[in-house]
Amino acid sequence: MSATRLLVLGVVRGYGRAHGYLIGNDLMSWGAGEWANVKWGSIYHALKQLTRDGCLVDHAVPPGRTDYAITAKGEGEYRVLLRDAVRRPETRPDLLAAGLALLPSLSREEAVGLLTERLAELEARRDAARERARGWGGPPHVGELFGLWEHTAASGAEWTRGLVERLSSGAYPMAGEPGSPGEPGSWAMLKLE
């Protein structure tokens, strides 16, 4: 899964229709170059690939600009990528970061459910690492690896538990709620001309 693919679909979906510069400008202003390794070239590559894959449709707009809109296939792809980014504890933080940037696309109930799945997986990983460390009979310094895994999973679980609590308490407007930026076409168009 690509964080850039998810983010590009999310921005096009958010605006309803957007051109490459608008998409890139938004992502760069969010700092996605740092936390998701998004680059201008990867944005345009993703737009072309998503169009070839049938997830986006392009529209020529005079004088020589191309706007993109999400298709039904693209909406399905976006949903799969977003859900996986939120639910699955990956070793790559860019996927979770992309999922968090687009979290309001989910209903509160769905976001809490996906994060609860994530929490259960992190707790299982924490417990498994702890058990491996206890039973480790190899070189002692290699046991530090299990300690690292346990610590990483435990801190991820603590953060996830906090987000579940915040969302359950009503933090952030989510899809279907007043003021949510998560509905398709709900983002205000920026005037970049």
Protein backbone atom coordinates (compact mmCIF):
# COMPACT_ATOMS: atom_id res chain seq x y z
CA MET A 1 0.00 0.00 0.00
CA SER A 2 1.24 3.47 -0.81
CA ALA A 3 0.67 6.46 1.46
CA THR A 4 0.91 8.71 -1.61
CA ARG A 5 -1.82 6.75 -3.40
CA LEU A 6 -4.11 7.06 -0.36
CA LEU A 7 -3.40 10.76 0.10
CA VAL A 8 -3.91 11.64 -3.58
CA LEU A 9 -7.23 9.78 -3.66
CA GLY A 10 -8.23 11.48 -0.40
CA VAL A 11 -7.48 14.99 -1.62
CA VAL A 12 -9.23 14.50 -4.98
CA ARG A 13 -12.19 12.99 -3.12
CA GLY A 14 -12.23 15.87 -0.64
CA TYR A 15 -12.45 18.51 -3.35
CA GLY A 16 -14.61 16.50 -5.71
CA ARG A 17 -12.42 17.64 -8.58
CA ALA A 18 -8.85 18.93 -8.33
CA HIS A 19 -5.78 19.58 -10.45
CA GLY A 20 -2.28 18.32 -9.71
CA TYR A 21 -0.94 21.58 -8.35
CA LEU A 22 -3.80 21.93 -5.87
CA ILE A 23 -3.29 18.34 -4.69
CA GLY A 24 0.45 18.80 -4.33
CA ASN A 25 0.12 22.19 -2.67
CA ASP A 26 -2.26 20.76 -0.07
CA LEU A 27 -0.09 17.74 0.67
CA MET A 28 3.08 19.82 0.93
CA SER A 29 1.34 22.36 3.20
CA TRP A 30 0.35 19.44 5.47
CA GLY A 31 4.03 18.46 5.72
CA ALA A 32 3.39 15.17 3.90
CA GLY A 33 6.84 15.39 2.35
CA GLU A 34 8.23 14.77 5.84
CA TRP A 35 5.80 12.28 7.39
CA ALA A 36 4.73 10.37 4.27
CA ASN A 37 7.73 10.91 1.97
CA VAL A 38 5.45 12.51 -0.64
CA LYS A 39 7.26 14.36 -3.41
CA TRP A 40 5.90 16.39 -6.32
CA GLY A 41 6.98 13.72 -8.80
CA SER A 42 5.28 10.96 -6.80
CA ILE A 43 2.03 12.95 -6.78
CA TYR A 44 1.97 13.24 -10.57
CA HIS A 45 2.99 9.61 -10.94
CA ALA A 46 0.14 8.59 -8.61
CA LEU A 47 -2.34 10.71 -10.61
CA LYS A 48 -1.32 9.03 -13.86
CA GLN A 49 -1.34 5.52 -12.34
CA LEU A 50 -4.69 6.04 -10.59
CA THR A 51 -6.15 7.27 -13.89
CA ARG A 52 -4.77 4.22 -15.73
CA ASP A 53 -6.21 1.99 -12.97
CA GLY A 54 -9.67 3.56 -13.41
CA CYS A 55 -9.69 5.11 -9.92
CA LEU A 56 -9.60 8.66 -11.27
CA VAL A 57 -10.89 10.25 -14.43
CA ASP A 58 -9.08 13.21 -15.97
CA HIS A 59 -10.67 16.29 -17.53
CA ALA A 60 -8.77 18.71 -19.76
CA VAL A 61 -9.43 22.27 -18.62
CA PRO A 62 -8.25 25.14 -20.80
CA PRO A 63 -5.61 26.53 -20.88
CA GLY A 64 -3.77 23.23 -20.55
CA ARG A 65 -4.67 22.13 -17.03
CA THR A 66 -5.91 18.67 -16.10
CA ASP A 67 -8.46 18.19 -13.34
CA TYR A 68 -9.09 14.81 -11.73
CA ALA A 69 -12.25 13.34 -10.21
CA ILE A 70 -12.64 10.13 -8.27
CA THR A 71 -14.59 7.26 -9.82
CA ALA A 72 -16.70 4.62 -8.08
CA LYS A 73 -13.71 2.27 -8.35
CA GLY A 74 -11.52 4.98 -6.85
CA GLU A 75 -13.93 5.46 -3.95
CA GLY A 76 -13.75 1.73 -3.26
CA GLU A 77 -9.95 1.76 -3.45
CA TYR A 78 -9.82 4.81 -1.16
CA ARG A 79 -12.02 3.08 1.42
CA VAL A 80 -9.88 -0.09 1.40
CA LEU A 81 -6.62 1.86 1.71
CA LEU A 82 -7.96 4.13 4.46
CA ARG A 83 -9.40 1.29 6.51
CA ASP A 84 -6.19 -0.73 6.23
CA ALA A 85 -4.05 2.28 7.19
CA VAL A 86 -6.09 2.83 10.36
CA ARG A 87 -6.60 -0.82 11.34
CA ARG A 88 -3.21 -2.41 10.65
CA PRO A 89 -0.16 -1.63 12.77
CA GLU A 90 2.51 -1.39 10.11
CA THR A 91 6.19 -0.82 10.58
CA ARG A 92 5.94 2.16 8.22
CA PRO A 93 4.52 5.20 10.02
CA ASP A 94 3.64 6.97 6.75
CA LEU A 95 0.58 4.74 6.24
CA LEU A 96 -0.87 5.50 9.65
CA ALA A 97 -0.08 9.20 9.17
CA ALA A 98 -1.97 9.20 5.86
CA GLY A 99 -4.89 7.41 7.51
CA LEU A 100 -4.98 9.95 10.33
CA ALA A 101 -4.89 12.86 7.88
CA LEU A 102 -8.02 11.44 6.23
CA LEU A 103 -9.69 9.99 9.36
CA PRO A 104 -12.81 12.24 9.14
CA SER A 105 -13.79 10.30 5.99
CA LEU A 106 -14.91 7.55 8.36
CA SER A 107 -17.92 7.60 10.61
CA ARG A 108 -17.10 7.83 14.30
CA GLU A 109 -18.35 4.28 14.85
CA GLU A 110 -16.25 2.84 12.03
CA ALA A 111 -13.10 4.74 13.10
CA VAL A 112 -13.46 3.50 16.68
CA GLY A 113 -14.02 -0.06 15.43
CA LEU A 114 -10.94 0.00 13.18
CA LEU A 115 -8.79 1.53 15.90
CA THR A 116 -10.04 -1.10 18.36
CA GLU A 117 -8.83 -3.78 15.92
CA ARG A 118 -5.48 -1.98 15.76
CA LEU A 119 -5.31 -1.87 19.56
CA ALA A 120 -5.96 -5.61 19.89
CA GLU A 121 -3.21 -6.40 17.36
CA LEU A 122 -0.73 -4.11 19.12
CA GLU A 123 -1.49 -5.67 22.49
CA ALA A 124 -1.02 -9.16 21.01
CA ARG A 125 2.33 -8.09 19.51
CA ARG A 126 3.40 -6.59 22.84
CA ASP A 127 2.54 -9.81 24.71
CA ALA A 128 4.23 -12.01 22.10
CA ALA A 129 7.45 -9.96 22.26
CA ARG A 130 7.42 -10.16 26.07
CA GLU A 131 7.07 -13.95 25.92
CA ARG A 132 9.87 -14.30 23.39
CA ALA A 133 12.15 -12.19 25.59
CA ARG A 134 11.39 -14.37 28.62
CA GLY A 135 12.17 -17.56 26.72
CA TRP A 136 15.18 -16.27 24.82
CA GLY A 137 18.24 -18.46 25.23
CA GLY A 138 20.42 -17.06 22.50
CA PRO A 139 22.98 -14.28 22.64
CA PRO A 140 21.83 -11.84 25.36
CA HIS A 141 22.21 -8.72 23.23
CA VAL A 142 19.74 -10.09 20.66
CA GLY A 143 17.15 -10.14 23.45
CA GLU A 144 17.15 -6.34 23.19
CA LEU A 145 15.30 -6.74 19.92
CA PHE A 146 12.35 -8.29 21.74
CA GLY A 147 12.46 -5.46 24.26
CA LEU A 148 12.30 -2.96 21.42
CA TRP A 149 9.34 -4.76 19.86
CA GLU A 150 7.54 -4.91 23.20
CA HIS A 151 8.14 -1.21 23.87
CA THR A 152 7.09 -0.17 20.36
CA ALA A 153 3.87 -2.20 20.51
CA ALA A 154 3.10 -1.02 24.06
CA SER A 155 3.53 2.66 23.19
CA GLY A 156 1.47 2.20 20.01
CA ALA A 157 -1.26 0.54 22.06
CA GLU A 158 -1.24 3.37 24.61
CA TRP A 159 -1.57 6.02 21.90
CA THR A 160 -4.30 4.06 20.09
CA ARG A 161 -6.25 3.58 23.32
CA GLY A 162 -6.11 7.35 23.88
CA LEU A 163 -7.38 8.09 20.35
CA VAL A 164 -10.23 5.59 20.79
CA GLU A 165 -11.18 7.37 24.03
CA ARG A 166 -11.02 10.81 22.40
CA LEU A 167 -13.15 9.72 19.44
CA SER A 168 -15.62 7.94 21.72
CA SER A 169 -15.94 11.17 23.71
CA GLY A 170 -16.85 13.12 20.56
CA ALA A 171 -13.51 14.60 19.51
CA TYR A 172 -13.24 15.78 15.89
CA PRO A 173 -16.14 16.04 13.45
CA MET A 174 -16.39 12.73 11.59
CA ALA A 175 -18.22 11.71 8.39
CA GLY A 176 -21.93 12.42 8.60
CA GLU A 177 -21.52 14.96 11.41
CA PRO A 178 -21.80 18.76 11.14
CA GLY A 179 -18.53 20.42 10.14
CA SER A 180 -16.85 17.21 9.00
CA PRO A 181 -14.32 17.57 6.17
CA GLY A 182 -14.85 13.89 5.40
CA GLU A 183 -17.68 14.03 2.88
CA PRO A 184 -16.80 13.80 -0.83
CA GLY A 185 -16.59 17.25 -2.42
CA SER A 186 -16.88 19.03 0.93
CA TRP A 187 -13.55 20.81 0.90
CA ALA A 188 -13.57 24.51 -0.01
CA MET A 189 -11.78 25.11 -3.29
CA LEU A 190 -8.67 27.23 -2.89
CA LYS A 191 -8.10 30.02 -5.36
CA LEU A 192 -4.58 29.33 -6.59
CA GLU A 193 -4.74 31.11 -9.91
